[in-house]
Amino acid sequence: MDQKGTMQTAEIRDVDDKLIFETSENLDIYPSFEKMNLKDELLMGCYSHGFQKPSAIQQRAIVPITGGRDVIVQSQSGTGKTAVFCLGSLQTIDLSLREPQVLVLSPTRE
């Protein structure tokens, strides 16, 4: 990781050298919700629901969504993917427009 928090390529392996985590190249990592420049209402919602620090997937995926990128997010159950989609989407919504602005496709096996 460089001084700006940009991850060039990262891999995390378990004790058996099995790949358990990997990120895309040139992906910025945001260690806090404040650094993501989320709307004040979203920050208050995060903190009021007990979210103090973004999970690894949230640190990597929320900002690309707010920037208008199409994102495919894959991680284990319970890691915060739903919050990724919700926060990223809610950040981009223009409340003055009364029309659909976001589409989330979230296929699951559950």
N, C-alpha and C. Protein backbone atom coordinates (compact mmCIF):
# COMPACT_ATOMS: atom_id res chain seq x y z
N MET A 1 0.85 -1.15 0.00
CA MET A 1 0.00 0.00 0.00
C MET A 1 0.91 1.23 0.00
N ASP A 2 0.55 2.23 -0.84
CA ASP A 2 1.36 3.43 -0.88
C ASP A 2 0.86 4.45 0.14
N GLN A 3 1.45 5.65 0.15
CA GLN A 3 1.13 6.69 1.13
C GLN A 3 -0.33 7.11 1.08
N LYS A 4 -0.99 7.08 -0.08
CA LYS A 4 -2.38 7.50 -0.22
C LYS A 4 -3.36 6.39 0.12
N GLY A 5 -2.86 5.21 0.45
CA GLY A 5 -3.75 4.10 0.75
C GLY A 5 -4.15 3.31 -0.48
N THR A 6 -3.46 3.54 -1.60
CA THR A 6 -3.79 2.83 -2.82
C THR A 6 -3.16 1.44 -2.79
N MET A 7 -3.98 0.45 -2.98
CA MET A 7 -3.53 -0.93 -2.99
C MET A 7 -3.20 -1.30 -4.43
N GLN A 8 -1.97 -1.67 -4.67
CA GLN A 8 -1.60 -2.06 -6.03
C GLN A 8 -2.19 -3.43 -6.35
N THR A 9 -1.82 -4.42 -5.62
CA THR A 9 -2.43 -5.74 -5.69
C THR A 9 -2.20 -6.37 -4.32
N ALA A 10 -3.23 -6.94 -3.75
CA ALA A 10 -3.08 -7.53 -2.42
C ALA A 10 -3.64 -8.92 -2.42
N GLU A 11 -2.97 -9.77 -1.73
CA GLU A 11 -3.44 -11.13 -1.51
C GLU A 11 -3.24 -11.46 -0.05
N ILE A 12 -4.21 -12.13 0.54
CA ILE A 12 -4.07 -12.64 1.89
C ILE A 12 -4.30 -14.13 1.81
N ARG A 13 -3.38 -14.88 2.38
CA ARG A 13 -3.46 -16.33 2.33
C ARG A 13 -3.55 -16.90 3.74
N ASP A 14 -4.21 -18.05 3.86
CA ASP A 14 -4.30 -18.69 5.17
C ASP A 14 -3.03 -19.49 5.43
N VAL A 15 -2.99 -20.18 6.54
CA VAL A 15 -1.79 -20.91 6.94
C VAL A 15 -1.42 -22.02 5.96
N ASP A 16 -2.37 -22.51 5.18
CA ASP A 16 -2.10 -23.54 4.19
C ASP A 16 -1.81 -22.94 2.82
N ASP A 17 -1.56 -21.61 2.78
CA ASP A 17 -1.26 -20.87 1.56
C ASP A 17 -2.43 -20.85 0.57
N LYS A 18 -3.63 -21.03 1.10
CA LYS A 18 -4.83 -20.94 0.28
C LYS A 18 -5.23 -19.47 0.17
N LEU A 19 -5.49 -18.99 -1.06
CA LEU A 19 -5.89 -17.61 -1.28
C LEU A 19 -7.27 -17.38 -0.67
N ILE A 20 -7.36 -16.41 0.26
CA ILE A 20 -8.64 -16.13 0.89
C ILE A 20 -9.13 -14.71 0.62
N PHE A 21 -8.27 -13.85 0.11
CA PHE A 21 -8.68 -12.48 -0.15
C PHE A 21 -7.78 -11.87 -1.21
N GLU A 22 -8.38 -11.14 -2.15
CA GLU A 22 -7.59 -10.47 -3.16
C GLU A 22 -8.36 -9.26 -3.65
N THR A 23 -7.64 -8.21 -4.04
CA THR A 23 -8.29 -6.99 -4.53
C THR A 23 -7.84 -6.68 -5.94
N SER A 24 -8.60 -5.82 -6.59
CA SER A 24 -8.23 -5.35 -7.92
C SER A 24 -7.03 -4.41 -7.82
N GLU A 25 -6.36 -4.21 -8.93
CA GLU A 25 -5.23 -3.28 -8.96
C GLU A 25 -5.72 -1.85 -8.83
N ASN A 26 -4.87 -0.99 -8.27
CA ASN A 26 -5.12 0.44 -8.13
C ASN A 26 -6.44 0.74 -7.42
N LEU A 27 -6.71 0.01 -6.39
CA LEU A 27 -7.94 0.19 -5.63
C LEU A 27 -7.63 0.96 -4.36
N ASP A 28 -8.33 2.08 -4.15
CA ASP A 28 -8.13 2.86 -2.94
C ASP A 28 -8.86 2.20 -1.78
N ILE A 29 -8.25 2.26 -0.61
CA ILE A 29 -8.82 1.68 0.59
C ILE A 29 -9.09 2.82 1.57
N TYR A 30 -10.32 2.88 2.07
CA TYR A 30 -10.75 3.95 2.98
C TYR A 30 -10.95 3.36 4.37
N PRO A 31 -10.07 3.71 5.32
CA PRO A 31 -10.12 3.09 6.65
C PRO A 31 -11.26 3.57 7.54
N SER A 32 -11.99 4.61 7.13
CA SER A 32 -13.11 5.10 7.94
C SER A 32 -14.23 5.57 7.03
N PHE A 33 -15.44 5.62 7.58
CA PHE A 33 -16.58 6.10 6.81
C PHE A 33 -16.42 7.58 6.48
N GLU A 34 -15.79 8.36 7.38
CA GLU A 34 -15.60 9.79 7.12
C GLU A 34 -14.73 10.02 5.89
N LYS A 35 -13.72 9.23 5.71
CA LYS A 35 -12.81 9.41 4.57
C LYS A 35 -13.48 9.09 3.24
N MET A 36 -14.65 8.44 3.28
CA MET A 36 -15.39 8.13 2.06
C MET A 36 -16.23 9.32 1.59
N ASN A 37 -16.26 10.39 2.39
CA ASN A 37 -17.05 11.58 2.08
C ASN A 37 -18.53 11.26 1.89
N LEU A 38 -19.06 10.44 2.78
CA LEU A 38 -20.48 10.11 2.74
C LEU A 38 -21.29 11.29 3.29
N LYS A 39 -22.55 11.36 2.87
CA LYS A 39 -23.46 12.39 3.37
C LYS A 39 -23.56 12.27 4.90
N ASP A 40 -23.76 13.41 5.55
CA ASP A 40 -23.86 13.42 7.01
C ASP A 40 -24.95 12.48 7.51
N GLU A 41 -26.07 12.43 6.80
CA GLU A 41 -27.17 11.57 7.22
C GLU A 41 -26.77 10.10 7.20
N LEU A 42 -25.97 9.72 6.21
CA LEU A 42 -25.51 8.34 6.11
C LEU A 42 -24.51 8.02 7.21
N LEU A 43 -23.61 8.97 7.50
CA LEU A 43 -22.66 8.76 8.59
C LEU A 43 -23.39 8.58 9.92
N MET A 44 -24.37 9.45 10.18
CA MET A 44 -25.14 9.33 11.42
C MET A 44 -25.85 7.99 11.49
N GLY A 45 -26.38 7.53 10.36
CA GLY A 45 -27.05 6.23 10.32
C GLY A 45 -26.10 5.08 10.62
N CYS A 46 -24.90 5.15 10.05
CA CYS A 46 -23.90 4.11 10.32
C CYS A 46 -23.58 4.03 11.80
N TYR A 47 -23.26 5.19 12.38
CA TYR A 47 -22.86 5.21 13.79
C TYR A 47 -24.01 4.87 14.72
N SER A 48 -25.22 5.30 14.39
CA SER A 48 -26.36 5.01 15.26
C SER A 48 -26.72 3.53 15.25
N HIS A 49 -26.31 2.82 14.21
CA HIS A 49 -26.57 1.38 14.14
C HIS A 49 -25.36 0.55 14.58
N GLY A 50 -24.37 1.22 15.15
CA GLY A 50 -23.23 0.51 15.73
C GLY A 50 -22.07 0.23 14.80
N PHE A 51 -22.12 0.74 13.58
CA PHE A 51 -20.99 0.56 12.66
C PHE A 51 -19.95 1.64 12.95
N GLN A 52 -18.81 1.26 13.48
CA GLN A 52 -17.77 2.23 13.83
C GLN A 52 -16.69 2.31 12.75
N LYS A 53 -16.35 1.18 12.18
CA LYS A 53 -15.29 1.11 11.18
C LYS A 53 -15.76 0.22 10.03
N PRO A 54 -15.51 0.63 8.79
CA PRO A 54 -15.94 -0.21 7.67
C PRO A 54 -15.16 -1.52 7.61
N SER A 55 -15.85 -2.57 7.19
CA SER A 55 -15.19 -3.86 7.00
C SER A 55 -14.29 -3.79 5.77
N ALA A 56 -13.52 -4.82 5.55
CA ALA A 56 -12.58 -4.84 4.41
C ALA A 56 -13.30 -4.63 3.09
N ILE A 57 -14.43 -5.29 2.89
CA ILE A 57 -15.15 -5.14 1.62
C ILE A 57 -15.75 -3.75 1.51
N GLN A 58 -16.22 -3.18 2.62
CA GLN A 58 -16.77 -1.83 2.61
C GLN A 58 -15.68 -0.80 2.32
N GLN A 59 -14.49 -0.99 2.86
CA GLN A 59 -13.38 -0.08 2.62
C GLN A 59 -13.02 0.00 1.14
N ARG A 60 -13.29 -1.05 0.41
CA ARG A 60 -12.88 -1.13 -0.99
C ARG A 60 -14.00 -0.85 -1.99
N ALA A 61 -15.26 -1.09 -1.64
CA ALA A 61 -16.32 -1.08 -2.65
C ALA A 61 -17.28 0.10 -2.59
N ILE A 62 -17.42 0.77 -1.45
CA ILE A 62 -18.40 1.85 -1.36
C ILE A 62 -18.04 3.02 -2.26
N VAL A 63 -16.81 3.48 -2.21
CA VAL A 63 -16.42 4.68 -2.99
C VAL A 63 -16.50 4.44 -4.50
N PRO A 64 -16.08 3.31 -5.03
CA PRO A 64 -16.29 3.10 -6.46
C PRO A 64 -17.76 3.18 -6.88
N ILE A 65 -18.65 2.69 -6.03
CA ILE A 65 -20.08 2.79 -6.33
C ILE A 65 -20.51 4.25 -6.34
N THR A 66 -20.08 5.02 -5.34
CA THR A 66 -20.46 6.43 -5.29
C THR A 66 -19.88 7.22 -6.45
N GLY A 67 -18.81 6.71 -7.03
CA GLY A 67 -18.21 7.35 -8.19
C GLY A 67 -18.85 6.94 -9.51
N GLY A 68 -19.88 6.11 -9.44
CA GLY A 68 -20.59 5.73 -10.65
C GLY A 68 -20.07 4.47 -11.33
N ARG A 69 -19.16 3.77 -10.70
CA ARG A 69 -18.63 2.55 -11.30
C ARG A 69 -19.58 1.39 -11.11
N ASP A 70 -19.62 0.51 -12.07
CA ASP A 70 -20.31 -0.77 -11.90
C ASP A 70 -19.39 -1.65 -11.07
N VAL A 71 -19.93 -2.30 -10.08
CA VAL A 71 -19.11 -3.05 -9.14
C VAL A 71 -19.67 -4.44 -8.95
N ILE A 72 -18.80 -5.42 -8.95
CA ILE A 72 -19.15 -6.78 -8.57
C ILE A 72 -18.47 -7.02 -7.23
N VAL A 73 -19.26 -7.32 -6.21
CA VAL A 73 -18.74 -7.51 -4.87
C VAL A 73 -18.98 -8.95 -4.47
N GLN A 74 -17.92 -9.60 -4.03
CA GLN A 74 -18.04 -10.98 -3.58
C GLN A 74 -17.23 -11.13 -2.30
N SER A 75 -17.89 -11.57 -1.26
CA SER A 75 -17.19 -11.87 -0.01
C SER A 75 -18.07 -12.79 0.82
N GLN A 76 -17.51 -13.27 1.90
CA GLN A 76 -18.23 -14.23 2.73
C GLN A 76 -19.46 -13.60 3.37
N SER A 77 -20.36 -14.45 3.79
CA SER A 77 -21.57 -14.02 4.49
C SER A 77 -21.19 -13.28 5.77
N GLY A 78 -21.90 -12.18 6.03
CA GLY A 78 -21.67 -11.43 7.27
C GLY A 78 -20.56 -10.41 7.22
N THR A 79 -20.03 -10.13 6.01
CA THR A 79 -18.90 -9.20 5.91
C THR A 79 -19.33 -7.77 5.57
N GLY A 80 -20.63 -7.53 5.35
CA GLY A 80 -21.10 -6.17 5.12
C GLY A 80 -21.42 -5.81 3.69
N LYS A 81 -21.69 -6.81 2.85
CA LYS A 81 -22.00 -6.52 1.45
C LYS A 81 -23.29 -5.71 1.30
N THR A 82 -24.31 -6.01 2.09
CA THR A 82 -25.57 -5.28 1.99
C THR A 82 -25.35 -3.81 2.29
N ALA A 83 -24.54 -3.50 3.28
CA ALA A 83 -24.22 -2.10 3.59
C ALA A 83 -23.45 -1.45 2.45
N VAL A 84 -22.62 -2.20 1.75
CA VAL A 84 -21.91 -1.67 0.58
C VAL A 84 -22.91 -1.17 -0.45
N PHE A 85 -23.87 -2.01 -0.79
CA PHE A 85 -24.86 -1.62 -1.80
C PHE A 85 -25.73 -0.47 -1.31
N CYS A 86 -26.16 -0.56 -0.06
CA CYS A 86 -27.04 0.49 0.48
C CYS A 86 -26.34 1.83 0.58
N LEU A 87 -25.18 1.87 1.21
CA LEU A 87 -24.48 3.15 1.38
C LEU A 87 -24.03 3.73 0.04
N GLY A 88 -23.50 2.89 -0.82
CA GLY A 88 -23.08 3.37 -2.14
C GLY A 88 -24.23 3.93 -2.93
N SER A 89 -25.36 3.25 -2.89
CA SER A 89 -26.54 3.69 -3.64
C SER A 89 -27.15 4.94 -3.03
N LEU A 90 -27.34 4.95 -1.72
CA LEU A 90 -27.96 6.10 -1.07
C LEU A 90 -27.12 7.36 -1.22
N GLN A 91 -25.81 7.21 -1.27
CA GLN A 91 -24.93 8.37 -1.46
C GLN A 91 -25.16 9.03 -2.83
N THR A 92 -25.53 8.25 -3.81
CA THR A 92 -25.67 8.78 -5.18
C THR A 92 -27.05 9.32 -5.50
N ILE A 93 -28.02 9.04 -4.66
CA ILE A 93 -29.41 9.44 -4.95
C ILE A 93 -29.59 10.95 -4.80
N ASP A 94 -30.25 11.54 -5.79
CA ASP A 94 -30.64 12.95 -5.75
C ASP A 94 -32.08 13.01 -5.25
N LEU A 95 -32.26 13.49 -4.02
CA LEU A 95 -33.58 13.49 -3.40
C LEU A 95 -34.58 14.41 -4.10
N SER A 96 -34.09 15.31 -4.94
CA SER A 96 -35.02 16.21 -5.64
C SER A 96 -35.66 15.54 -6.86
N LEU A 97 -35.13 14.42 -7.28
CA LEU A 97 -35.69 13.67 -8.41
C LEU A 97 -36.63 12.59 -7.91
N ARG A 98 -37.81 12.56 -8.43
CA ARG A 98 -38.79 11.55 -8.03
C ARG A 98 -38.91 10.51 -9.13
N GLU A 99 -37.85 9.78 -9.31
CA GLU A 99 -37.79 8.74 -10.33
C GLU A 99 -36.76 7.70 -9.90
N PRO A 100 -36.83 6.50 -10.46
CA PRO A 100 -35.84 5.48 -10.11
C PRO A 100 -34.43 5.95 -10.47
N GLN A 101 -33.50 5.76 -9.57
CA GLN A 101 -32.13 6.19 -9.80
C GLN A 101 -31.10 5.09 -9.59
N VAL A 102 -31.50 4.00 -8.97
CA VAL A 102 -30.55 2.93 -8.63
C VAL A 102 -31.19 1.58 -8.93
N LEU A 103 -30.38 0.68 -9.45
CA LEU A 103 -30.80 -0.70 -9.63
C LEU A 103 -29.72 -1.59 -9.01
N VAL A 104 -30.12 -2.43 -8.08
CA VAL A 104 -29.19 -3.36 -7.44
C VAL A 104 -29.65 -4.77 -7.77
N LEU A 105 -28.77 -5.54 -8.42
CA LEU A 105 -29.03 -6.96 -8.66
C LEU A 105 -28.16 -7.73 -7.70
N SER A 106 -28.78 -8.53 -6.87
CA SER A 106 -28.03 -9.22 -5.84
C SER A 106 -28.46 -10.69 -5.78
N PRO A 107 -27.96 -11.49 -6.70
CA PRO A 107 -28.31 -12.92 -6.65
C PRO A 107 -27.62 -13.60 -5.46
N THR A 108 -28.34 -14.50 -4.83
CA THR A 108 -27.77 -15.23 -3.70
C THR A 108 -28.06 -16.72 -3.86
N ARG A 109 -27.42 -17.50 -3.05
CA ARG A 109 -27.70 -18.93 -3.03
C ARG A 109 -28.57 -19.30 -1.85
N GLU A 110 -28.80 -18.35 -0.94
CA GLU A 110 -29.61 -18.62 0.24
C GLU A 110 -31.06 -18.80 -0.13
